[in-house]
Amino acid sequence: MSFPNAITGHVRGRVQGVGFRYFAKSRAEELGLSGWVKNLPDGTVQFMAKGDEIGLERFMQYLRIGPPGSRVDGLVFQRHTESGEFEGFEIRG
């Protein structure tokens, strides 16, 4: 039986142009997570993070707050089992 070890989702609000991706990358690295974060054309930030349950929960808490200057209006995510391997946590697009 596989347990969810990853989350994917979107953050909406004032999350572009405020260092949100760098904030997410820094928090993910602190928590030992792998994955990626990127800006989308609709003004949201998309992410995928893989790691242990405690790290994923803390990462979600950080994303709900965001960095100074940001405003998080919504966070939608889904838990799933991710079999792919990632080298660290990267910023895409």
PDB file of N, CA and C in Angstrom:
ATOM      1  N   MET A   1       0.840  -1.185   0.000  1.00  0.00           N
ATOM      2  CA  MET A   1       0.000   0.000   0.000  1.00  0.00           C
ATOM      3  C   MET A   1       0.883   1.244   0.000  1.00  0.00           C
ATOM      4  N   SER A   2       0.600   2.185  -0.904  1.00  0.00           N
ATOM      5  CA  SER A   2       1.370   3.421  -0.990  1.00  0.00           C
ATOM      6  C   SER A   2       0.645   4.545  -0.263  1.00  0.00           C
ATOM      7  N   PHE A   3       1.411   5.361   0.397  1.00  0.00           N
ATOM      8  CA  PHE A   3       0.860   6.514   1.079  1.00  0.00           C
ATOM      9  C   PHE A   3       1.247   7.766   0.314  1.00  0.00           C
ATOM     10  N   PRO A   4       0.374   8.790   0.312  1.00  0.00           N
ATOM     11  CA  PRO A   4       0.711  10.030  -0.383  1.00  0.00           C
ATOM     12  C   PRO A   4       2.011  10.613   0.169  1.00  0.00           C
ATOM     13  N   ASN A   5       2.919  10.925  -0.719  1.00  0.00           N
ATOM     14  CA  ASN A   5       4.197  11.494  -0.306  1.00  0.00           C
ATOM     15  C   ASN A   5       4.484  12.787  -1.060  1.00  0.00           C
ATOM     16  N   ALA A   6       3.456  13.322  -1.722  1.00  0.00           N
ATOM     17  CA  ALA A   6       3.664  14.539  -2.512  1.00  0.00           C
ATOM     18  C   ALA A   6       2.375  15.357  -2.529  1.00  0.00           C
ATOM     19  N   ILE A   7       2.553  16.644  -2.812  1.00  0.00           N
ATOM     20  CA  ILE A   7       1.416  17.538  -2.985  1.00  0.00           C
ATOM     21  C   ILE A   7       1.653  18.370  -4.242  1.00  0.00           C
ATOM     22  N   THR A   8       0.588  18.668  -4.934  1.00  0.00           N
ATOM     23  CA  THR A   8       0.625  19.604  -6.051  1.00  0.00           C
ATOM     24  C   THR A   8      -0.488  20.601  -5.826  1.00  0.00           C
ATOM     25  N   GLY A   9      -0.294  21.808  -6.329  1.00  0.00           N
ATOM     26  CA  GLY A   9      -1.347  22.792  -6.150  1.00  0.00           C
ATOM     27  C   GLY A   9      -1.021  24.146  -6.739  1.00  0.00           C
ATOM     28  N   HIS A  10      -1.922  25.099  -6.411  1.00  0.00           N
ATOM     29  CA  HIS A  10      -1.809  26.479  -6.881  1.00  0.00           C
ATOM     30  C   HIS A  10      -2.042  27.428  -5.713  1.00  0.00           C
ATOM     31  N   VAL A  11      -1.352  28.542  -5.743  1.00  0.00           N
ATOM     32  CA  VAL A  11      -1.563  29.610  -4.768  1.00  0.00           C
ATOM     33  C   VAL A  11      -2.016  30.827  -5.560  1.00  0.00           C
ATOM     34  N   ARG A  12      -3.105  31.469  -5.098  1.00  0.00           N
ATOM     35  CA  ARG A  12      -3.564  32.668  -5.784  1.00  0.00           C
ATOM     36  C   ARG A  12      -3.565  33.851  -4.823  1.00  0.00           C
ATOM     37  N   GLY A  13      -3.525  35.033  -5.403  1.00  0.00           N
ATOM     38  CA  GLY A  13      -3.458  36.273  -4.636  1.00  0.00           C
ATOM     39  C   GLY A  13      -2.373  37.140  -5.236  1.00  0.00           C
ATOM     40  N   ARG A  14      -1.742  37.948  -4.407  1.00  0.00           N
ATOM     41  CA  ARG A  14      -0.580  38.715  -4.884  1.00  0.00           C
ATOM     42  C   ARG A  14       0.647  37.853  -4.599  1.00  0.00           C
ATOM     43  N   VAL A  15       0.930  36.960  -5.544  1.00  0.00           N
ATOM     44  CA  VAL A  15       1.978  35.961  -5.348  1.00  0.00           C
ATOM     45  C   VAL A  15       3.039  35.991  -6.450  1.00  0.00           C
ATOM     46  N   GLN A  16       2.914  36.904  -7.376  1.00  0.00           N
ATOM     47  CA  GLN A  16       3.956  37.078  -8.392  1.00  0.00           C
ATOM     48  C   GLN A  16       4.566  38.464  -8.222  1.00  0.00           C
ATOM     49  N   GLY A  17       5.873  38.547  -8.422  1.00  0.00           N
ATOM     50  CA  GLY A  17       6.572  39.819  -8.277  1.00  0.00           C
ATOM     51  C   GLY A  17       6.873  40.182  -6.828  1.00  0.00           C
ATOM     52  N   VAL A  18       6.716  39.237  -5.917  1.00  0.00           N
ATOM     53  CA  VAL A  18       6.952  39.491  -4.495  1.00  0.00           C
ATOM     54  C   VAL A  18       7.935  38.484  -3.883  1.00  0.00           C
ATOM     55  N   GLY A  19       8.603  37.698  -4.714  1.00  0.00           N
ATOM     56  CA  GLY A  19       9.576  36.721  -4.229  1.00  0.00           C
ATOM     57  C   GLY A  19       8.955  35.429  -3.718  1.00  0.00           C
ATOM     58  N   PHE A  20       7.732  35.150  -4.133  1.00  0.00           N
ATOM     59  CA  PHE A  20       7.040  33.969  -3.626  1.00  0.00           C
ATOM     60  C   PHE A  20       7.751  32.670  -4.008  1.00  0.00           C
ATOM     61  N   ARG A  21       8.216  32.575  -5.250  1.00  0.00           N
ATOM     62  CA  ARG A  21       8.891  31.337  -5.676  1.00  0.00           C
ATOM     63  C   ARG A  21      10.175  31.111  -4.888  1.00  0.00           C
ATOM     64  N   TYR A  22      10.923  32.186  -4.629  1.00  0.00           N
ATOM     65  CA  TYR A  22      12.172  32.051  -3.875  1.00  0.00           C
ATOM     66  C   TYR A  22      11.893  31.689  -2.420  1.00  0.00           C
ATOM     67  N   PHE A  23      10.819  32.260  -1.885  1.00  0.00           N
ATOM     68  CA  PHE A  23      10.365  31.925  -0.539  1.00  0.00           C
ATOM     69  C   PHE A  23      10.009  30.438  -0.459  1.00  0.00           C
ATOM     70  N   ALA A  24       9.227  29.964  -1.417  1.00  0.00           N
ATOM     71  CA  ALA A  24       8.819  28.556  -1.438  1.00  0.00           C
ATOM     72  C   ALA A  24      10.032  27.635  -1.557  1.00  0.00           C
ATOM     73  N   LYS A  25      10.957  27.975  -2.429  1.00  0.00           N
ATOM     74  CA  LYS A  25      12.173  27.166  -2.612  1.00  0.00           C
ATOM     75  C   LYS A  25      12.978  27.099  -1.313  1.00  0.00           C
ATOM     76  N   SER A  26      13.153  28.235  -0.671  1.00  0.00           N
ATOM     77  CA  SER A  26      13.923  28.289   0.566  1.00  0.00           C
ATOM     78  C   SER A  26      13.272  27.447   1.664  1.00  0.00           C
ATOM     79  N   ARG A  27      11.950  27.580   1.829  1.00  0.00           N
ATOM     80  CA  ARG A  27      11.249  26.803   2.851  1.00  0.00           C
ATOM     81  C   ARG A  27      11.318  25.308   2.529  1.00  0.00           C
ATOM     82  N   ALA A  28      11.134  24.946   1.265  1.00  0.00           N
ATOM     83  CA  ALA A  28      11.193  23.537   0.872  1.00  0.00           C
ATOM     84  C   ALA A  28      12.569  22.944   1.172  1.00  0.00           C
ATOM     85  N   GLU A  29      13.616  23.690   0.865  1.00  0.00           N
ATOM     86  CA  GLU A  29      14.973  23.196   1.126  1.00  0.00           C
ATOM     87  C   GLU A  29      15.214  23.040   2.624  1.00  0.00           C
ATOM     88  N   GLU A  30      14.725  23.977   3.426  1.00  0.00           N
ATOM     89  CA  GLU A  30      14.854  23.868   4.890  1.00  0.00           C
ATOM     90  C   GLU A  30      14.199  22.587   5.404  1.00  0.00           C
ATOM     91  N   LEU A  31      13.096  22.214   4.773  1.00  0.00           N
ATOM     92  CA  LEU A  31      12.316  21.060   5.216  1.00  0.00           C
ATOM     93  C   LEU A  31      12.737  19.751   4.555  1.00  0.00           C
ATOM     94  N   GLY A  32      13.734  19.813   3.674  1.00  0.00           N
ATOM     95  CA  GLY A  32      14.227  18.610   3.014  1.00  0.00           C
ATOM     96  C   GLY A  32      13.303  18.076   1.936  1.00  0.00           C
ATOM     97  N   LEU A  33      12.502  18.953   1.344  1.00  0.00           N
ATOM     98  CA  LEU A  33      11.584  18.541   0.285  1.00  0.00           C
ATOM     99  C   LEU A  33      12.229  18.682  -1.080  1.00  0.00           C
ATOM    100  N   SER A  34      11.742  17.940  -2.039  1.00  0.00           N
ATOM    101  CA  SER A  34      12.164  18.099  -3.425  1.00  0.00           C
ATOM    102  C   SER A  34      10.942  18.495  -4.239  1.00  0.00           C
ATOM    103  N   GLY A  35      11.173  19.015  -5.449  1.00  0.00           N
ATOM    104  CA  GLY A  35      10.073  19.393  -6.318  1.00  0.00           C
ATOM    105  C   GLY A  35      10.351  20.667  -7.075  1.00  0.00           C
ATOM    106  N   TRP A  36       9.309  21.466  -7.309  1.00  0.00           N
ATOM    107  CA  TRP A  36       9.458  22.684  -8.096  1.00  0.00           C
ATOM    108  C   TRP A  36       8.319  23.668  -7.802  1.00  0.00           C
ATOM    109  N   VAL A  37       8.541  24.900  -8.228  1.00  0.00           N
ATOM    110  CA  VAL A  37       7.550  25.965  -8.118  1.00  0.00           C
ATOM    111  C   VAL A  37       7.676  26.829  -9.360  1.00  0.00           C
ATOM    112  N   LYS A  38       6.540  27.353  -9.868  1.00  0.00           N
ATOM    113  CA  LYS A  38       6.618  28.205 -11.052  1.00  0.00           C
ATOM    114  C   LYS A  38       5.432  29.159 -11.121  1.00  0.00           C
ATOM    115  N   ASN A  39       5.648  30.291 -11.795  1.00  0.00           N
ATOM    116  CA  ASN A  39       4.587  31.243 -12.073  1.00  0.00           C
ATOM    117  C   ASN A  39       3.774  30.759 -13.263  1.00  0.00           C
ATOM    118  N   LEU A  40       2.479  30.982 -13.218  1.00  0.00           N
ATOM    119  CA  LEU A  40       1.607  30.682 -14.340  1.00  0.00           C
ATOM    120  C   LEU A  40       1.075  31.979 -14.949  1.00  0.00           C
ATOM    121  N   PRO A  41       0.718  31.954 -16.228  1.00  0.00           N
ATOM    122  CA  PRO A  41       0.238  33.165 -16.905  1.00  0.00           C
ATOM    123  C   PRO A  41      -0.994  33.802 -16.253  1.00  0.00           C
ATOM    124  N   ASP A  42      -1.788  33.030 -15.532  1.00  0.00           N
ATOM    125  CA  ASP A  42      -2.997  33.585 -14.910  1.00  0.00           C
ATOM    126  C   ASP A  42      -2.724  34.311 -13.591  1.00  0.00           C
ATOM    127  N   GLY A  43      -1.442  34.452 -13.219  1.00  0.00           N
ATOM    128  CA  GLY A  43      -1.077  35.174 -12.002  1.00  0.00           C
ATOM    129  C   GLY A  43      -0.950  34.306 -10.765  1.00  0.00           C
ATOM    130  N   THR A  44      -1.191  33.006 -10.902  1.00  0.00           N
ATOM    131  CA  THR A  44      -1.041  32.104  -9.762  1.00  0.00           C
ATOM    132  C   THR A  44       0.360  31.498  -9.756  1.00  0.00           C
ATOM    133  N   VAL A  45       0.676  30.843  -8.667  1.00  0.00           N
ATOM    134  CA  VAL A  45       1.926  30.103  -8.539  1.00  0.00           C
ATOM    135  C   VAL A  45       1.560  28.637  -8.378  1.00  0.00           C
ATOM    136  N   GLN A  46       2.185  27.788  -9.180  1.00  0.00           N
ATOM    137  CA  GLN A  46       1.953  26.347  -9.126  1.00  0.00           C
ATOM    138  C   GLN A  46       3.149  25.690  -8.456  1.00  0.00           C
ATOM    139  N   PHE A  47       2.894  24.607  -7.726  1.00  0.00           N
ATOM    140  CA  PHE A  47       3.988  23.920  -7.043  1.00  0.00           C
ATOM    141  C   PHE A  47       3.756  22.420  -7.012  1.00  0.00           C
ATOM    142  N   MET A  48       4.850  21.696  -6.812  1.00  0.00           N
ATOM    143  CA  MET A  48       4.843  20.264  -6.554  1.00  0.00           C
ATOM    144  C   MET A  48       5.940  20.026  -5.536  1.00  0.00           C
ATOM    145  N   ALA A  49       5.602  19.369  -4.453  1.00  0.00           N
ATOM    146  CA  ALA A  49       6.595  19.086  -3.412  1.00  0.00           C
ATOM    147  C   ALA A  49       6.467  17.629  -2.993  1.00  0.00           C
ATOM    148  N   LYS A  50       7.613  17.036  -2.744  1.00  0.00           N
ATOM    149  CA  LYS A  50       7.676  15.629  -2.359  1.00  0.00           C
ATOM    150  C   LYS A  50       8.535  15.507  -1.109  1.00  0.00           C
ATOM    151  N   GLY A  51       8.065  14.706  -0.149  1.00  0.00           N
ATOM    152  CA  GLY A  51       8.837  14.502   1.070  1.00  0.00           C
ATOM    153  C   GLY A  51       8.013  13.811   2.134  1.00  0.00           C
ATOM    154  N   ASP A  52       8.464  13.930   3.378  1.00  0.00           N
ATOM    155  CA  ASP A  52       7.742  13.280   4.471  1.00  0.00           C
ATOM    156  C   ASP A  52       6.533  14.114   4.890  1.00  0.00           C
ATOM    157  N   GLU A  53       5.634  13.483   5.603  1.00  0.00           N
ATOM    158  CA  GLU A  53       4.358  14.103   5.985  1.00  0.00           C
ATOM    159  C   GLU A  53       4.545  15.391   6.790  1.00  0.00           C
ATOM    160  N   ILE A  54       5.441  15.383   7.747  1.00  0.00           N
ATOM    161  CA  ILE A  54       5.660  16.571   8.579  1.00  0.00           C
ATOM    162  C   ILE A  54       6.192  17.717   7.735  1.00  0.00           C
ATOM    163  N   GLY A  55       7.143  17.433   6.862  1.00  0.00           N
ATOM    164  CA  GLY A  55       7.696  18.469   5.990  1.00  0.00           C
ATOM    165  C   GLY A  55       6.648  19.050   5.061  1.00  0.00           C
ATOM    166  N   LEU A  56       5.808  18.197   4.502  1.00  0.00           N
ATOM    167  CA  LEU A  56       4.756  18.675   3.595  1.00  0.00           C
ATOM    168  C   LEU A  56       3.747  19.547   4.338  1.00  0.00           C
ATOM    169  N   GLU A  57       3.377  19.163   5.544  1.00  0.00           N
ATOM    170  CA  GLU A  57       2.432  19.957   6.342  1.00  0.00           C
ATOM    171  C   GLU A  57       3.017  21.332   6.652  1.00  0.00           C
ATOM    172  N   ARG A  58       4.281  21.377   7.050  1.00  0.00           N
ATOM    173  CA  ARG A  58       4.921  22.666   7.355  1.00  0.00           C
ATOM    174  C   ARG A  58       5.049  23.524   6.104  1.00  0.00           C
ATOM    175  N   PHE A  59       5.363  22.895   4.987  1.00  0.00           N
ATOM    176  CA  PHE A  59       5.467  23.626   3.725  1.00  0.00           C
ATOM    177  C   PHE A  59       4.131  24.292   3.395  1.00  0.00           C
ATOM    178  N   MET A  60       3.039  23.565   3.563  1.00  0.00           N
ATOM    179  CA  MET A  60       1.718  24.126   3.291  1.00  0.00           C
ATOM    180  C   MET A  60       1.425  25.298   4.219  1.00  0.00           C
ATOM    181  N   GLN A  61       1.832  25.198   5.466  1.00  0.00           N
ATOM    182  CA  GLN A  61       1.638  26.311   6.401  1.00  0.00           C
ATOM    183  C   GLN A  61       2.385  27.554   5.918  1.00  0.00           C
ATOM    184  N   TYR A  62       3.625  27.370   5.471  1.00  0.00           N
ATOM    185  CA  TYR A  62       4.397  28.494   4.943  1.00  0.00           C
ATOM    186  C   TYR A  62       3.717  29.111   3.722  1.00  0.00           C
ATOM    187  N   LEU A  63       3.230  28.258   2.815  1.00  0.00           N
ATOM    188  CA  LEU A  63       2.602  28.772   1.594  1.00  0.00           C
ATOM    189  C   LEU A  63       1.323  29.544   1.899  1.00  0.00           C
ATOM    190  N   ARG A  64       0.612  29.179   2.927  1.00  0.00           N
ATOM    191  CA  ARG A  64      -0.614  29.897   3.298  1.00  0.00           C
ATOM    192  C   ARG A  64      -0.305  31.321   3.769  1.00  0.00           C
ATOM    193  N   ILE A  65       0.888  31.533   4.286  1.00  0.00           N
ATOM    194  CA  ILE A  65       1.299  32.859   4.784  1.00  0.00           C
ATOM    195  C   ILE A  65       2.026  33.642   3.700  1.00  0.00           C
ATOM    196  N   GLY A  66       2.987  33.018   3.045  1.00  0.00           N
ATOM    197  CA  GLY A  66       3.772  33.675   2.005  1.00  0.00           C
ATOM    198  C   GLY A  66       4.817  34.616   2.574  1.00  0.00           C
ATOM    199  N   PRO A  67       5.650  35.180   1.703  1.00  0.00           N
ATOM    200  CA  PRO A  67       6.698  36.101   2.141  1.00  0.00           C
ATOM    201  C   PRO A  67       6.117  37.499   2.400  1.00  0.00           C
ATOM    202  N   PRO A  68       6.879  38.365   3.058  1.00  0.00           N
ATOM    203  CA  PRO A  68       6.430  39.749   3.230  1.00  0.00           C
ATOM    204  C   PRO A  68       6.130  40.373   1.864  1.00  0.00           C
ATOM    205  N   GLY A  69       5.059  41.128   1.792  1.00  0.00           N
ATOM    206  CA  GLY A  69       4.681  41.771   0.535  1.00  0.00           C
ATOM    207  C   GLY A  69       3.710  40.956  -0.297  1.00  0.00           C
ATOM    208  N   SER A  70       3.529  39.707   0.060  1.00  0.00           N
ATOM    209  CA  SER A  70       2.574  38.872  -0.674  1.00  0.00           C
ATOM    210  C   SER A  70       1.218  38.909   0.029  1.00  0.00           C
ATOM    211  N   ARG A  71       0.211  38.415  -0.665  1.00  0.00           N
ATOM    212  CA  ARG A  71      -1.114  38.233  -0.075  1.00  0.00           C
ATOM    213  C   ARG A  71      -1.680  36.940  -0.649  1.00  0.00           C
ATOM    214  N   VAL A  72      -1.891  35.969   0.183  1.00  0.00           N
ATOM    215  CA  VAL A  72      -2.424  34.691  -0.264  1.00  0.00           C
ATOM    216  C   VAL A  72      -3.937  34.715  -0.084  1.00  0.00           C
ATOM    217  N   ASP A  73      -4.653  34.644  -1.208  1.00  0.00           N
ATOM    218  CA  ASP A  73      -6.113  34.626  -1.181  1.00  0.00           C
ATOM    219  C   ASP A  73      -6.677  33.215  -1.233  1.00  0.00           C
ATOM    220  N   GLY A  74      -5.881  32.279  -1.687  1.00  0.00           N
ATOM    221  CA  GLY A  74      -6.357  30.910  -1.763  1.00  0.00           C
ATOM    222  C   GLY A  74      -5.241  29.937  -2.054  1.00  0.00           C
ATOM    223  N   LEU A  75      -5.407  28.749  -1.547  1.00  0.00           N
ATOM    224  CA  LEU A  75      -4.442  27.676  -1.760  1.00  0.00           C
ATOM    225  C   LEU A  75      -5.240  26.402  -2.021  1.00  0.00           C
ATOM    226  N   VAL A  76      -5.024  25.831  -3.183  1.00  0.00           N
ATOM    227  CA  VAL A  76      -5.699  24.590  -3.561  1.00  0.00           C
ATOM    228  C   VAL A  76      -4.610  23.559  -3.790  1.00  0.00           C
ATOM    229  N   PHE A  77      -4.762  22.383  -3.183  1.00  0.00           N
ATOM    230  CA  PHE A  77      -3.741  21.355  -3.352  1.00  0.00           C
ATOM    231  C   PHE A  77      -4.371  19.974  -3.325  1.00  0.00           C
ATOM    232  N   GLN A  78      -3.577  19.040  -3.794  1.00  0.00           N
ATOM    233  CA  GLN A  78      -3.994  17.638  -3.831  1.00  0.00           C
ATOM    234  C   GLN A  78      -2.825  16.781  -3.390  1.00  0.00           C
ATOM    235  N   ARG A  79      -3.100  15.811  -2.562  1.00  0.00           N
ATOM    236  CA  ARG A  79      -2.068  14.850  -2.146  1.00  0.00           C
ATOM    237  C   ARG A  79      -2.061  13.682  -3.123  1.00  0.00           C
ATOM    238  N   HIS A  80      -0.892  13.160  -3.380  1.00  0.00           N
ATOM    239  CA  HIS A  80      -0.785  11.998  -4.251  1.00  0.00           C
ATOM    240  C   HIS A  80       0.525  11.280  -3.995  1.00  0.00           C
ATOM    241  N   THR A  81       0.660  10.128  -4.602  1.00  0.00           N
ATOM    242  CA  THR A  81       1.902   9.361  -4.516  1.00  0.00           C
ATOM    243  C   THR A  81       2.728   9.694  -5.747  1.00  0.00           C
ATOM    244  N   GLU A  82       3.938  10.128  -5.536  1.00  0.00           N
ATOM    245  CA  GLU A  82       4.834  10.533  -6.621  1.00  0.00           C
ATOM    246  C   GLU A  82       5.996   9.547  -6.661  1.00  0.00           C
ATOM    247  N   SER A  83       6.156   8.896  -7.787  1.00  0.00           N
ATOM    248  CA  SER A  83       7.238   7.921  -7.907  1.00  0.00           C
ATOM    249  C   SER A  83       8.491   8.513  -8.542  1.00  0.00           C
ATOM    250  N   GLY A  84       8.379   9.659  -9.195  1.00  0.00           N
ATOM    251  CA  GLY A  84       9.533  10.278  -9.837  1.00  0.00           C
ATOM    252  C   GLY A  84      10.509  10.843  -8.825  1.00  0.00           C
ATOM    253  N   GLU A  85      11.752  10.890  -9.198  1.00  0.00           N
ATOM    254  CA  GLU A  85      12.788  11.453  -8.342  1.00  0.00           C
ATOM    255  C   GLU A  85      13.119  12.866  -8.801  1.00  0.00           C
ATOM    256  N   PHE A  86      13.376  13.730  -7.854  1.00  0.00           N
ATOM    257  CA  PHE A  86      13.742  15.111  -8.150  1.00  0.00           C
ATOM    258  C   PHE A  86      15.043  15.433  -7.448  1.00  0.00           C
ATOM    259  N   GLU A  87      15.849  16.222  -8.115  1.00  0.00           N
ATOM    260  CA  GLU A  87      17.107  16.695  -7.531  1.00  0.00           C
ATOM    261  C   GLU A  87      16.819  18.019  -6.852  1.00  0.00           C
ATOM    262  N   GLY A  88      16.607  18.012  -5.570  1.00  0.00           N
ATOM    263  CA  GLY A  88      16.374  19.241  -4.839  1.00  0.00           C
ATOM    264  C   GLY A  88      15.043  19.883  -5.193  1.00  0.00           C
ATOM    265  N   PHE A  89      14.974  21.184  -4.969  1.00  0.00           N
ATOM    266  CA  PHE A  89      13.765  21.946  -5.229  1.00  0.00           C
ATOM    267  C   PHE A  89      14.143  23.084  -6.163  1.00  0.00           C
ATOM    268  N   GLU A  90      13.456  23.199  -7.291  1.00  0.00           N
ATOM    269  CA  GLU A  90      13.853  24.193  -8.287  1.00  0.00           C
ATOM    270  C   GLU A  90      12.730  25.174  -8.634  1.00  0.00           C
ATOM    271  N   ILE A  91      13.157  26.309  -9.096  1.00  0.00           N
ATOM    272  CA  ILE A  91      12.239  27.324  -9.617  1.00  0.00           C
ATOM    273  C   ILE A  91      12.172  27.135 -11.119  1.00  0.00           C
ATOM    274  N   ARG A  92      10.961  26.992 -11.625  1.00  0.00           N
ATOM    275  CA  ARG A  92      10.739  26.858 -13.062  1.00  0.00           C
ATOM    276  C   ARG A  92       9.960  28.076 -13.528  1.00  0.00           C
ATOM    277  N   GLY A  93      10.189  28.462 -14.785  1.00  0.00           N
ATOM    278  CA  GLY A  93       9.426  29.527 -15.430  1.00  0.00           C
ATOM    279  C   GLY A  93       8.900  30.617 -14.599  1.00  0.00           C
TER     280      GLY A  93
END
